[in-house]
Structures are given as C-alpha cells and as structure tokens.
PDB file of N, CA and C in Angstrom:
ATOM      1  N   GLN A   1      84.486  64.965  90.396  1.00  0.00           N
ATOM      2  CA  GLN A   1      85.097  66.149  90.829  1.00  0.00           C
ATOM      3  C   GLN A   1      85.693  66.778  89.225  1.00  0.00           C
ATOM      4  N   VAL A   2      85.539  67.750  89.637  1.00  0.00           N
ATOM      5  CA  VAL A   2      86.016  68.744  88.332  1.00  0.00           C
ATOM      6  C   VAL A   2      87.659  68.803  88.400  1.00  0.00           C
ATOM      7  N   GLN A   3      88.318  68.633  87.643  1.00  0.00           N
ATOM      8  CA  GLN A   3      89.768  69.015  87.614  1.00  0.00           C
ATOM      9  C   GLN A   3      90.201  69.782  86.377  1.00  0.00           C
ATOM     10  N   LEU A   4      90.959  70.920  86.857  1.00  0.00           N
ATOM     11  CA  LEU A   4      91.527  72.176  85.444  1.00  0.00           C
ATOM     12  C   LEU A   4      93.146  71.688  85.677  1.00  0.00           C
ATOM     13  N   VAL A   5      93.635  72.045  84.442  1.00  0.00           N
ATOM     14  CA  VAL A   5      94.992  71.574  84.276  1.00  0.00           C
ATOM     15  C   VAL A   5      95.083  73.057  82.819  1.00  0.00           C
ATOM     16  N   GLU A   6      96.435  73.963  83.949  1.00  0.00           N
ATOM     17  CA  GLU A   6      96.418  75.267  83.063  1.00  0.00           C
ATOM     18  C   GLU A   6      97.793  74.502  82.483  1.00  0.00           C
ATOM     19  N   SER A   7      98.421  75.018  81.174  1.00  0.00           N
ATOM     20  CA  SER A   7      99.442  74.982  80.635  1.00  0.00           C
ATOM     21  C   SER A   7      99.724  76.009  79.494  1.00  0.00           C
ATOM     22  N   GLY A   8     100.763  76.095  79.184  1.00  0.00           N
ATOM     23  CA  GLY A   8     101.190  76.980  78.145  1.00  0.00           C
ATOM     24  C   GLY A   8     101.929  78.221  78.458  1.00  0.00           C
ATOM     25  N   GLY A   9     102.375  78.001  79.968  1.00  0.00           N
ATOM     26  CA  GLY A   9     103.406  78.996  79.994  1.00  0.00           C
ATOM     27  C   GLY A   9     104.347  79.314  80.163  1.00  0.00           C
ATOM     28  N   GLY A  10     105.271  80.046  80.342  1.00  0.00           N
ATOM     29  CA  GLY A  10     106.889  80.104  80.043  1.00  0.00           C
ATOM     30  C   GLY A  10     107.385  81.312  80.296  1.00  0.00           C
ATOM     31  N   LEU A  11     108.946  81.559  79.247  1.00  0.00           N
ATOM     32  CA  LEU A  11     109.519  82.644  79.178  1.00  0.00           C
ATOM     33  C   LEU A  11     109.070  83.347  78.347  1.00  0.00           C
ATOM     34  N   VAL A  12     108.704  84.988  77.846  1.00  0.00           N
ATOM     35  CA  VAL A  12     109.089  85.288  77.015  1.00  0.00           C
ATOM     36  C   VAL A  12     109.371  86.468  76.438  1.00  0.00           C
ATOM     37  N   GLN A  13     109.597  87.422  76.074  1.00  0.00           N
ATOM     38  CA  GLN A  13     110.023  88.467  75.783  1.00  0.00           C
ATOM     39  C   GLN A  13     109.090  89.720  75.886  1.00  0.00           C
ATOM     40  N   PRO A  14     109.132  90.508  76.462  1.00  0.00           N
ATOM     41  CA  PRO A  14     108.348  92.055  76.358  1.00  0.00           C
ATOM     42  C   PRO A  14     107.800  92.332  74.826  1.00  0.00           C
ATOM     43  N   GLY A  15     106.381  92.421  74.733  1.00  0.00           N
ATOM     44  CA  GLY A  15     106.021  92.586  73.343  1.00  0.00           C
ATOM     45  C   GLY A  15     105.868  91.114  72.812  1.00  0.00           C
ATOM     46  N   GLY A  16     105.785  90.084  73.593  1.00  0.00           N
ATOM     47  CA  GLY A  16     105.789  88.606  72.936  1.00  0.00           C
ATOM     48  C   GLY A  16     104.738  88.238  72.916  1.00  0.00           C
ATOM     49  N   SER A  17     103.940  87.117  73.019  1.00  0.00           N
ATOM     50  CA  SER A  17     102.788  86.444  73.075  1.00  0.00           C
ATOM     51  C   SER A  17     102.524  85.201  74.014  1.00  0.00           C
ATOM     52  N   LEU A  18     102.141  84.555  74.526  1.00  0.00           N
ATOM     53  CA  LEU A  18     101.494  83.309  74.874  1.00  0.00           C
ATOM     54  C   LEU A  18     100.191  82.870  74.900  1.00  0.00           C
ATOM     55  N   ARG A  19      99.720  81.518  74.802  1.00  0.00           N
ATOM     56  CA  ARG A  19      98.639  81.216  74.857  1.00  0.00           C
ATOM     57  C   ARG A  19      98.510  80.150  76.042  1.00  0.00           C
ATOM     58  N   LEU A  20      97.701  80.587  76.860  1.00  0.00           N
ATOM     59  CA  LEU A  20      97.099  79.261  78.153  1.00  0.00           C
ATOM     60  C   LEU A  20      96.205  78.600  77.775  1.00  0.00           C
ATOM     61  N   SER A  21      96.482  77.498  78.578  1.00  0.00           N
ATOM     62  CA  SER A  21      95.092  76.544  77.848  1.00  0.00           C
ATOM     63  C   SER A  21      94.634  76.233  79.249  1.00  0.00           C
ATOM     64  N   CYS A  22      93.413  76.565  79.618  1.00  0.00           N
ATOM     65  CA  CYS A  22      92.678  75.651  80.829  1.00  0.00           C
ATOM     66  C   CYS A  22      92.275  74.259  80.844  1.00  0.00           C
ATOM     67  N   ALA A  23      92.396  73.191  80.698  1.00  0.00           N
ATOM     68  CA  ALA A  23      91.489  71.610  80.236  1.00  0.00           C
ATOM     69  C   ALA A  23      90.616  71.002  81.436  1.00  0.00           C
ATOM     70  N   ALA A  24      89.832  70.649  81.250  1.00  0.00           N
ATOM     71  CA  ALA A  24      88.464  70.407  82.350  1.00  0.00           C
ATOM     72  C   ALA A  24      88.258  68.856  82.270  1.00  0.00           C
ATOM     73  N   SER A  25      88.741  68.345  83.281  1.00  0.00           N
ATOM     74  CA  SER A  25      88.326  66.360  83.300  1.00  0.00           C
ATOM     75  C   SER A  25      87.355  66.700  84.446  1.00  0.00           C
ATOM     76  N   GLY A  26      86.643  65.234  84.524  1.00  0.00           N
ATOM     77  CA  GLY A  26      85.436  64.473  85.615  1.00  0.00           C
ATOM     78  C   GLY A  26      84.688  65.774  85.683  1.00  0.00           C
ATOM     79  N   LEU A  27      84.322  65.511  84.584  1.00  0.00           N
ATOM     80  CA  LEU A  27      82.639  66.730  84.169  1.00  0.00           C
ATOM     81  C   LEU A  27      81.326  66.097  84.483  1.00  0.00           C
ATOM     82  N   SER A  28      81.317  64.399  84.717  1.00  0.00           N
ATOM     83  CA  SER A  28      80.393  63.652  84.990  1.00  0.00           C
ATOM     84  C   SER A  28      79.321  63.712  83.762  1.00  0.00           C
ATOM     85  N   GLY A  29      79.991  64.138  82.695  1.00  0.00           N
ATOM     86  CA  GLY A  29      78.732  64.133  81.325  1.00  0.00           C
ATOM     87  C   GLY A  29      78.113  65.329  80.983  1.00  0.00           C
ATOM     88  N   TYR A  30      78.769  66.354  81.837  1.00  0.00           N
ATOM     89  CA  TYR A  30      78.705  67.731  81.473  1.00  0.00           C
ATOM     90  C   TYR A  30      79.852  68.328  80.862  1.00  0.00           C
ATOM     91  N   THR A  31      79.314  69.589  79.851  1.00  0.00           N
ATOM     92  CA  THR A  31      80.640  70.191  79.416  1.00  0.00           C
ATOM     93  C   THR A  31      81.120  71.409  80.227  1.00  0.00           C
ATOM     94  N   LEU A  32      82.282  71.759  79.969  1.00  0.00           N
ATOM     95  CA  LEU A  32      82.735  73.034  80.460  1.00  0.00           C
ATOM     96  C   LEU A  32      81.955  73.927  80.499  1.00  0.00           C
ATOM     97  N   ASP A  33      81.491  74.353  79.339  1.00  0.00           N
ATOM     98  CA  ASP A  33      80.045  75.399  78.574  1.00  0.00           C
ATOM     99  C   ASP A  33      79.224  75.555  79.596  1.00  0.00           C
ATOM    100  N   ILE A  34      79.147  74.793  80.806  1.00  0.00           N
ATOM    101  CA  ILE A  34      78.088  74.753  81.985  1.00  0.00           C
ATOM    102  C   ILE A  34      78.550  76.213  83.133  1.00  0.00           C
ATOM    103  N   TYR A  35      79.781  76.108  82.907  1.00  0.00           N
ATOM    104  CA  TYR A  35      80.939  76.574  84.092  1.00  0.00           C
ATOM    105  C   TYR A  35      81.172  78.076  83.625  1.00  0.00           C
ATOM    106  N   ALA A  36      80.967  79.113  84.071  1.00  0.00           N
ATOM    107  CA  ALA A  36      81.823  80.348  83.874  1.00  0.00           C
ATOM    108  C   ALA A  36      83.282  80.305  84.129  1.00  0.00           C
ATOM    109  N   VAL A  37      84.194  80.567  83.301  1.00  0.00           N
ATOM    110  CA  VAL A  37      85.442  80.086  83.819  1.00  0.00           C
ATOM    111  C   VAL A  37      86.490  81.426  83.776  1.00  0.00           C
ATOM    112  N   GLY A  38      86.981  81.734  84.537  1.00  0.00           N
ATOM    113  CA  GLY A  38      88.132  82.799  85.046  1.00  0.00           C
ATOM    114  C   GLY A  38      89.107  82.459  85.062  1.00  0.00           C
ATOM    115  N   TRP A  39      89.781  83.459  84.563  1.00  0.00           N
ATOM    116  CA  TRP A  39      91.487  83.291  84.472  1.00  0.00           C
ATOM    117  C   TRP A  39      92.098  84.367  86.022  1.00  0.00           C
ATOM    118  N   PHE A  40      92.767  83.969  86.704  1.00  0.00           N
ATOM    119  CA  PHE A  40      93.430  85.232  87.379  1.00  0.00           C
ATOM    120  C   PHE A  40      94.904  84.877  87.356  1.00  0.00           C
ATOM    121  N   ARG A  41      95.201  85.870  88.089  1.00  0.00           N
ATOM    122  CA  ARG A  41      97.113  85.670  87.962  1.00  0.00           C
ATOM    123  C   ARG A  41      97.555  86.423  89.783  1.00  0.00           C
ATOM    124  N   GLN A  42      98.926  85.925  90.064  1.00  0.00           N
ATOM    125  CA  GLN A  42      99.157  86.416  91.151  1.00  0.00           C
ATOM    126  C   GLN A  42     100.755  86.615  91.282  1.00  0.00           C
ATOM    127  N   ALA A  43     101.117  87.791  91.333  1.00  0.00           N
ATOM    128  CA  ALA A  43     102.358  87.925  91.199  1.00  0.00           C
ATOM    129  C   ALA A  43     103.256  87.501  92.603  1.00  0.00           C
ATOM    130  N   PRO A  44     104.539  87.605  92.432  1.00  0.00           N
ATOM    131  CA  PRO A  44     105.142  87.682  93.791  1.00  0.00           C
ATOM    132  C   PRO A  44     105.264  88.630  94.850  1.00  0.00           C
ATOM    133  N   GLY A  45     104.672  88.127  96.253  1.00  0.00           N
ATOM    134  CA  GLY A  45     104.108  89.671  96.581  1.00  0.00           C
ATOM    135  C   GLY A  45     102.968  89.998  96.853  1.00  0.00           C
ATOM    136  N   LYS A  46     102.165  89.509  95.807  1.00  0.00           N
ATOM    137  CA  LYS A  46     100.751  90.762  95.646  1.00  0.00           C
ATOM    138  C   LYS A  46      99.874  89.449  95.823  1.00  0.00           C
ATOM    139  N   GLU A  47      98.647  90.290  95.967  1.00  0.00           N
ATOM    140  CA  GLU A  47      97.521  89.302  95.671  1.00  0.00           C
ATOM    141  C   GLU A  47      96.852  88.940  94.737  1.00  0.00           C
ATOM    142  N   ARG A  48      96.224  87.836  94.721  1.00  0.00           N
ATOM    143  CA  ARG A  48      95.276  87.155  93.389  1.00  0.00           C
ATOM    144  C   ARG A  48      94.754  87.732  92.501  1.00  0.00           C
ATOM    145  N   GLU A  49      94.527  88.548  91.365  1.00  0.00           N
ATOM    146  CA  GLU A  49      93.602  89.491  91.136  1.00  0.00           C
ATOM    147  C   GLU A  49      93.179  88.457  89.754  1.00  0.00           C
ATOM    148  N   GLY A  50      92.034  89.072  89.363  1.00  0.00           N
ATOM    149  CA  GLY A  50      91.192  88.690  88.114  1.00  0.00           C
ATOM    150  C   GLY A  50      91.820  89.109  87.013  1.00  0.00           C
ATOM    151  N   VAL A  51      91.878  88.312  86.200  1.00  0.00           N
ATOM    152  CA  VAL A  51      92.464  88.648  84.278  1.00  0.00           C
ATOM    153  C   VAL A  51      91.414  88.873  83.805  1.00  0.00           C
ATOM    154  N   GLY A  52      90.151  88.277  83.478  1.00  0.00           N
ATOM    155  CA  GLY A  52      88.958  88.042  82.650  1.00  0.00           C
ATOM    156  C   GLY A  52      87.834  87.007  83.228  1.00  0.00           C
ATOM    157  N   CYS A  53      86.935  86.684  82.242  1.00  0.00           N
ATOM    158  CA  CYS A  53      86.415  85.676  82.434  1.00  0.00           C
ATOM    159  C   CYS A  53      85.328  85.310  81.434  1.00  0.00           C
ATOM    160  N   ILE A  54      84.897  84.251  80.944  1.00  0.00           N
ATOM    161  CA  ILE A  54      83.679  83.922  80.084  1.00  0.00           C
ATOM    162  C   ILE A  54      82.934  83.094  80.439  1.00  0.00           C
ATOM    163  N   MET A  55      81.750  83.778  80.674  1.00  0.00           N
ATOM    164  CA  MET A  55      80.302  83.162  81.056  1.00  0.00           C
ATOM    165  C   MET A  55      79.986  81.995  80.324  1.00  0.00           C
ATOM    166  N   GLY A  56      79.282  81.076  81.257  1.00  0.00           N
ATOM    167  CA  GLY A  56      78.616  79.662  80.528  1.00  0.00           C
ATOM    168  C   GLY A  56      77.543  80.143  79.603  1.00  0.00           C
ATOM    169  N   GLY A  57      77.406  79.464  78.846  1.00  0.00           N
ATOM    170  CA  GLY A  57      76.037  79.500  78.007  1.00  0.00           C
ATOM    171  C   GLY A  57      76.646  80.352  76.975  1.00  0.00           C
ATOM    172  N   GLY A  58      76.144  82.012  77.112  1.00  0.00           N
ATOM    173  CA  GLY A  58      76.370  82.443  75.458  1.00  0.00           C
ATOM    174  C   GLY A  58      77.865  83.045  75.464  1.00  0.00           C
ATOM    175  N   GLY A  59      78.320  83.000  76.851  1.00  0.00           N
ATOM    176  CA  GLY A  59      80.047  82.711  76.578  1.00  0.00           C
ATOM    177  C   GLY A  59      80.388  84.403  76.414  1.00  0.00           C
ATOM    178  N   ARG A  60      79.518  85.671  76.761  1.00  0.00           N
ATOM    179  CA  ARG A  60      79.966  86.717  76.875  1.00  0.00           C
ATOM    180  C   ARG A  60      81.351  86.567  77.560  1.00  0.00           C
ATOM    181  N   VAL A  61      82.012  87.596  77.388  1.00  0.00           N
ATOM    182  CA  VAL A  61      83.250  87.884  77.825  1.00  0.00           C
ATOM    183  C   VAL A  61      83.780  89.200  78.343  1.00  0.00           C
ATOM    184  N   TYR A  62      84.570  89.055  80.018  1.00  0.00           N
ATOM    185  CA  TYR A  62      84.963  90.579  80.536  1.00  0.00           C
ATOM    186  C   TYR A  62      86.314  90.029  80.597  1.00  0.00           C
ATOM    187  N   TYR A  63      86.867  91.539  80.838  1.00  0.00           N
ATOM    188  CA  TYR A  63      88.264  91.422  80.992  1.00  0.00           C
ATOM    189  C   TYR A  63      88.596  92.739  82.271  1.00  0.00           C
ATOM    190  N   THR A  64      89.688  92.439  82.783  1.00  0.00           N
ATOM    191  CA  THR A  64      89.957  93.523  83.706  1.00  0.00           C
ATOM    192  C   THR A  64      91.053  94.642  83.048  1.00  0.00           C
ATOM    193  N   ASP A  65      91.018  95.753  83.504  1.00  0.00           N
ATOM    194  CA  ASP A  65      91.619  96.992  82.693  1.00  0.00           C
ATOM    195  C   ASP A  65      92.866  96.781  82.078  1.00  0.00           C
ATOM    196  N   PRO A  66      93.634  95.959  83.084  1.00  0.00           N
ATOM    197  CA  PRO A  66      95.282  96.142  83.121  1.00  0.00           C
ATOM    198  C   PRO A  66      95.313  95.542  81.773  1.00  0.00           C
ATOM    199  N   VAL A  67      94.439  94.341  81.140  1.00  0.00           N
ATOM    200  CA  VAL A  67      94.921  93.503  80.504  1.00  0.00           C
ATOM    201  C   VAL A  67      93.754  93.513  78.898  1.00  0.00           C
ATOM    202  N   LYS A  68      92.672  94.523  79.266  1.00  0.00           N
ATOM    203  CA  LYS A  68      92.034  94.875  78.149  1.00  0.00           C
ATOM    204  C   LYS A  68      92.622  95.300  76.899  1.00  0.00           C
ATOM    205  N   GLY A  69      91.984  94.770  75.403  1.00  0.00           N
ATOM    206  CA  GLY A  69      92.929  95.049  74.531  1.00  0.00           C
ATOM    207  C   GLY A  69      93.828  94.138  74.086  1.00  0.00           C
ATOM    208  N   ARG A  70      94.662  93.358  75.370  1.00  0.00           N
ATOM    209  CA  ARG A  70      95.645  92.616  75.019  1.00  0.00           C
ATOM    210  C   ARG A  70      95.397  91.349  75.161  1.00  0.00           C
ATOM    211  N   PHE A  71      94.618  90.525  75.788  1.00  0.00           N
ATOM    212  CA  PHE A  71      94.352  89.501  76.036  1.00  0.00           C
ATOM    213  C   PHE A  71      92.990  89.106  75.433  1.00  0.00           C
ATOM    214  N   THR A  72      93.095  87.759  75.223  1.00  0.00           N
ATOM    215  CA  THR A  72      91.712  87.648  74.848  1.00  0.00           C
ATOM    216  C   THR A  72      91.280  85.960  75.312  1.00  0.00           C
ATOM    217  N   ILE A  73      90.120  85.575  75.483  1.00  0.00           N
ATOM    218  CA  ILE A  73      89.581  84.700  76.019  1.00  0.00           C
ATOM    219  C   ILE A  73      88.943  83.828  75.609  1.00  0.00           C
ATOM    220  N   ALA A  74      88.628  82.587  75.108  1.00  0.00           N
ATOM    221  CA  ALA A  74      87.890  81.750  74.330  1.00  0.00           C
ATOM    222  C   ALA A  74      87.684  80.810  74.417  1.00  0.00           C
ATOM    223  N   ARG A  75      86.889  80.136  74.411  1.00  0.00           N
ATOM    224  CA  ARG A  75      86.770  78.507  74.180  1.00  0.00           C
ATOM    225  C   ARG A  75      86.401  77.323  73.245  1.00  0.00           C
ATOM    226  N   ASP A  76      87.009  76.180  73.705  1.00  0.00           N
ATOM    227  CA  ASP A  76      86.625  75.153  72.818  1.00  0.00           C
ATOM    228  C   ASP A  76      85.679  74.260  73.180  1.00  0.00           C
ATOM    229  N   SER A  77      84.542  74.399  73.048  1.00  0.00           N
ATOM    230  CA  SER A  77      83.854  73.332  73.689  1.00  0.00           C
ATOM    231  C   SER A  77      83.933  71.919  73.239  1.00  0.00           C
ATOM    232  N   THR A  78      84.200  71.048  72.129  1.00  0.00           N
ATOM    233  CA  THR A  78      84.786  70.106  72.007  1.00  0.00           C
ATOM    234  C   THR A  78      85.914  69.331  72.495  1.00  0.00           C
ATOM    235  N   LYS A  79      86.679  70.485  73.402  1.00  0.00           N
ATOM    236  CA  LYS A  79      87.650  69.802  73.803  1.00  0.00           C
ATOM    237  C   LYS A  79      87.251  70.186  75.630  1.00  0.00           C
ATOM    238  N   ASN A  80      86.699  70.554  76.119  1.00  0.00           N
ATOM    239  CA  ASN A  80      86.367  71.211  77.552  1.00  0.00           C
ATOM    240  C   ASN A  80      87.576  72.092  77.902  1.00  0.00           C
ATOM    241  N   THR A  81      88.002  72.953  76.895  1.00  0.00           N
ATOM    242  CA  THR A  81      89.182  74.058  77.576  1.00  0.00           C
ATOM    243  C   THR A  81      88.531  75.551  76.977  1.00  0.00           C
ATOM    244  N   VAL A  82      89.149  75.972  77.798  1.00  0.00           N
ATOM    245  CA  VAL A  82      89.179  77.564  77.957  1.00  0.00           C
ATOM    246  C   VAL A  82      90.937  78.193  77.407  1.00  0.00           C
ATOM    247  N   TYR A  83      91.104  78.903  76.893  1.00  0.00           N
ATOM    248  CA  TYR A  83      92.120  79.304  76.325  1.00  0.00           C
ATOM    249  C   TYR A  83      92.190  80.828  76.972  1.00  0.00           C
ATOM    250  N   LEU A  84      93.392  81.352  77.302  1.00  0.00           N
ATOM    251  CA  LEU A  84      93.598  82.706  77.673  1.00  0.00           C
ATOM    252  C   LEU A  84      94.929  83.353  76.251  1.00  0.00           C
ATOM    253  N   GLN A  85      94.792  83.856  75.412  1.00  0.00           N
ATOM    254  CA  GLN A  85      95.494  84.476  74.577  1.00  0.00           C
ATOM    255  C   GLN A  85      96.122  85.889  74.878  1.00  0.00           C
ATOM    256  N   MET A  86      97.337  85.847  75.192  1.00  0.00           N
ATOM    257  CA  MET A  86      97.910  87.056  75.796  1.00  0.00           C
ATOM    258  C   MET A  86      99.096  87.708  74.605  1.00  0.00           C
ATOM    259  N   ASN A  87      98.584  88.739  74.202  1.00  0.00           N
ATOM    260  CA  ASN A  87      99.351  89.718  73.202  1.00  0.00           C
ATOM    261  C   ASN A  87     100.350  90.689  74.007  1.00  0.00           C
ATOM    262  N   SER A  88     101.223  91.102  73.129  1.00  0.00           N
ATOM    263  CA  SER A  88     101.841  92.093  73.898  1.00  0.00           C
ATOM    264  C   SER A  88     101.931  92.417  75.077  1.00  0.00           C
ATOM    265  N   LEU A  89     102.937  91.829  75.747  1.00  0.00           N
ATOM    266  CA  LEU A  89     103.427  91.050  76.943  1.00  0.00           C
ATOM    267  C   LEU A  89     103.739  92.348  77.425  1.00  0.00           C
ATOM    268  N   LYS A  90     103.729  92.412  78.713  1.00  0.00           N
ATOM    269  CA  LYS A  90     104.658  93.218  79.485  1.00  0.00           C
ATOM    270  C   LYS A  90     105.265  92.578  80.551  1.00  0.00           C
ATOM    271  N   PRO A  91     106.498  93.222  81.277  1.00  0.00           N
ATOM    272  CA  PRO A  91     107.110  92.736  82.457  1.00  0.00           C
ATOM    273  C   PRO A  91     106.192  92.531  83.679  1.00  0.00           C
ATOM    274  N   GLU A  92     105.166  93.809  83.545  1.00  0.00           N
ATOM    275  CA  GLU A  92     104.289  93.478  85.122  1.00  0.00           C
ATOM    276  C   GLU A  92     103.146  92.294  84.621  1.00  0.00           C
ATOM    277  N   ASP A  93     102.894  91.673  83.876  1.00  0.00           N
ATOM    278  CA  ASP A  93     101.983  90.460  83.408  1.00  0.00           C
ATOM    279  C   ASP A  93     102.871  89.352  84.157  1.00  0.00           C
ATOM    280  N   THR A  94     104.045  89.025  84.252  1.00  0.00           N
ATOM    281  CA  THR A  94     105.018  88.243  85.003  1.00  0.00           C
ATOM    282  C   THR A  94     103.880  87.550  86.716  1.00  0.00           C
ATOM    283  N   ALA A  95     103.710  86.588  86.295  1.00  0.00           N
ATOM    284  CA  ALA A  95     102.538  86.063  87.543  1.00  0.00           C
ATOM    285  C   ALA A  95     102.395  84.379  87.142  1.00  0.00           C
ATOM    286  N   VAL A  96     102.300  84.016  88.400  1.00  0.00           N
ATOM    287  CA  VAL A  96     101.402  82.370  88.080  1.00  0.00           C
ATOM    288  C   VAL A  96      99.888  82.755  87.642  1.00  0.00           C
ATOM    289  N   TYR A  97      99.500  82.182  86.404  1.00  0.00           N
ATOM    290  CA  TYR A  97      98.161  82.261  86.015  1.00  0.00           C
ATOM    291  C   TYR A  97      97.429  80.789  86.510  1.00  0.00           C
ATOM    292  N   TYR A  98      96.019  81.334  87.156  1.00  0.00           N
ATOM    293  CA  TYR A  98      95.073  80.088  87.313  1.00  0.00           C
ATOM    294  C   TYR A  98      94.048  80.496  86.486  1.00  0.00           C
ATOM    295  N   CYS A  99      92.844  79.490  86.349  1.00  0.00           N
ATOM    296  CA  CYS A  99      91.778  79.496  85.893  1.00  0.00           C
ATOM    297  C   CYS A  99      91.018  78.765  86.981  1.00  0.00           C
ATOM    298  N   ARG A 100      89.548  79.118  87.132  1.00  0.00           N
ATOM    299  CA  ARG A 100      88.982  78.526  87.812  1.00  0.00           C
ATOM    300  C   ARG A 100      87.216  78.547  86.588  1.00  0.00           C
ATOM    301  N   ALA A 101      86.707  77.294  87.244  1.00  0.00           N
ATOM    302  CA  ALA A 101      85.763  76.961  86.695  1.00  0.00           C
ATOM    303  C   ALA A 101      84.549  77.136  87.964  1.00  0.00           C
ATOM    304  N   GLY A 102      83.363  78.105  87.385  1.00  0.00           N
ATOM    305  CA  GLY A 102      82.228  78.325  88.783  1.00  0.00           C
ATOM    306  C   GLY A 102      82.996  79.073  89.631  1.00  0.00           C
ATOM    307  N   PHE A 103      82.657  78.666  91.189  1.00  0.00           N
ATOM    308  CA  PHE A 103      83.724  79.321  92.052  1.00  0.00           C
ATOM    309  C   PHE A 103      84.294  78.341  92.704  1.00  0.00           C
ATOM    310  N   SER A 104      84.140  77.033  92.652  1.00  0.00           N
ATOM    311  CA  SER A 104      85.017  75.690  93.439  1.00  0.00           C
ATOM    312  C   SER A 104      86.445  75.726  92.864  1.00  0.00           C
ATOM    313  N   PHE A 105      86.224  75.359  91.857  1.00  0.00           N
ATOM    314  CA  PHE A 105      87.361  74.553  91.173  1.00  0.00           C
ATOM    315  C   PHE A 105      88.690  75.355  90.512  1.00  0.00           C
ATOM    316  N   TRP A 106      89.590  75.108  90.937  1.00  0.00           N
ATOM    317  CA  TRP A 106      90.808  75.898  90.561  1.00  0.00           C
ATOM    318  C   TRP A 106      91.655  74.818  90.013  1.00  0.00           C
ATOM    319  N   GLY A 107      92.598  75.342  88.950  1.00  0.00           N
ATOM    320  CA  GLY A 107      93.718  74.824  88.296  1.00  0.00           C
ATOM    321  C   GLY A 107      94.756  74.654  89.118  1.00  0.00           C
ATOM    322  N   GLN A 108      96.275  73.971  89.260  1.00  0.00           N
ATOM    323  CA  GLN A 108      97.311  74.485  90.142  1.00  0.00           C
ATOM    324  C   GLN A 108      98.073  75.760  89.094  1.00  0.00           C
ATOM    325  N   GLY A 109      97.760  75.958  87.993  1.00  0.00           N
ATOM    326  CA  GLY A 109      98.596  77.889  87.811  1.00  0.00           C
ATOM    327  C   GLY A 109      99.741  77.309  86.922  1.00  0.00           C
ATOM    328  N   THR A 110     100.119  78.221  86.098  1.00  0.00           N
ATOM    329  CA  THR A 110     101.060  78.023  85.329  1.00  0.00           C
ATOM    330  C   THR A 110     101.990  79.208  85.349  1.00  0.00           C
ATOM    331  N   GLN A 111     103.213  79.387  85.430  1.00  0.00           N
ATOM    332  CA  GLN A 111     104.073  80.373  85.375  1.00  0.00           C
ATOM    333  C   GLN A 111     104.308  81.223  84.409  1.00  0.00           C
ATOM    334  N   VAL A 112     104.204  82.592  83.965  1.00  0.00           N
ATOM    335  CA  VAL A 112     104.219  83.176  82.883  1.00  0.00           C
ATOM    336  C   VAL A 112     105.106  84.326  83.368  1.00  0.00           C
ATOM    337  N   THR A 113     106.290  84.499  82.758  1.00  0.00           N
ATOM    338  CA  THR A 113     107.181  85.358  82.887  1.00  0.00           C
ATOM    339  C   THR A 113     107.517  86.188  81.674  1.00  0.00           C
ATOM    340  N   VAL A 114     107.776  87.396  81.921  1.00  0.00           N
ATOM    341  CA  VAL A 114     107.561  88.278  80.829  1.00  0.00           C
ATOM    342  C   VAL A 114     109.072  88.924  81.324  1.00  0.00           C
ATOM    343  N   SER A 115     109.920  88.663  80.308  1.00  0.00           N
ATOM    344  CA  SER A 115     111.422  89.539  80.485  1.00  0.00           C
ATOM    345  C   SER A 115     112.297  89.536  79.376  1.00  0.00           C
ATOM    346  N   SER A 116     113.375  90.267  79.403  1.00  0.00           N
ATOM    347  CA  SER A 116     114.329  90.344  77.891  1.00  0.00           C
ATOM    348  C   SER A 116     115.882  89.676  78.843  1.00  0.00           C
TER     349      SER A 116
END
C-alpha cells in the first residue's frame, strides 16, 4: 500500500515562500516515478481544488491558473519525493495542501497559512 506524507507547511507572510514535500513509502520495489503526482488544496469552507501535477515517466508538469508562475512542482526520484515550491504567496493560498499519487493514494495534508 502506497503511503504519502506531506510536510513543510506553516505560517508565512504574504510574499514569502514555502516548500512542501510529498514523500512516498510502501512502493513495493517501484519508484514514485511511475505515478503522476498531483497537488491539491482545500481552504476552509471551500471545495478541494487542484494546484498542479507532475506526470509519471517523462515528468511533464501542469499548473492551474491561480498558481501558474508562482508555484513549481519537481521530483527527486532518489528520495521518492515530490516537491511543491511556492513563491510569492498570497493570503488566498491559505489552505490544507494534499498530494495524491495516481488516483488512489492521498497524503494526510499539511496546513499552509499566509498571513501578516
């Protein structure tokens, strides 16, 4: 059973940066590279929404419009980890951030709060 653990969340001022990590275990000899890994977020009282994803294999990356140009997704295959680098953070980026491998495996989430 694939398990994902997010980390790196916290409180940051507007304009600041954070890097979230999504570390995978239980891959049964495979690497996280075989999965597309998506980042999602859920703000209080709102639906969960996509942030972006990195595809398996060749690793093409896609972002949703609210984060395009500010967020970057990257893999470290040696660590079975996917990162979400978030720059120029805004208060509206405040949410619990989740990663998902494939369509079935979710992490528990990490809180990001952008506030002065």
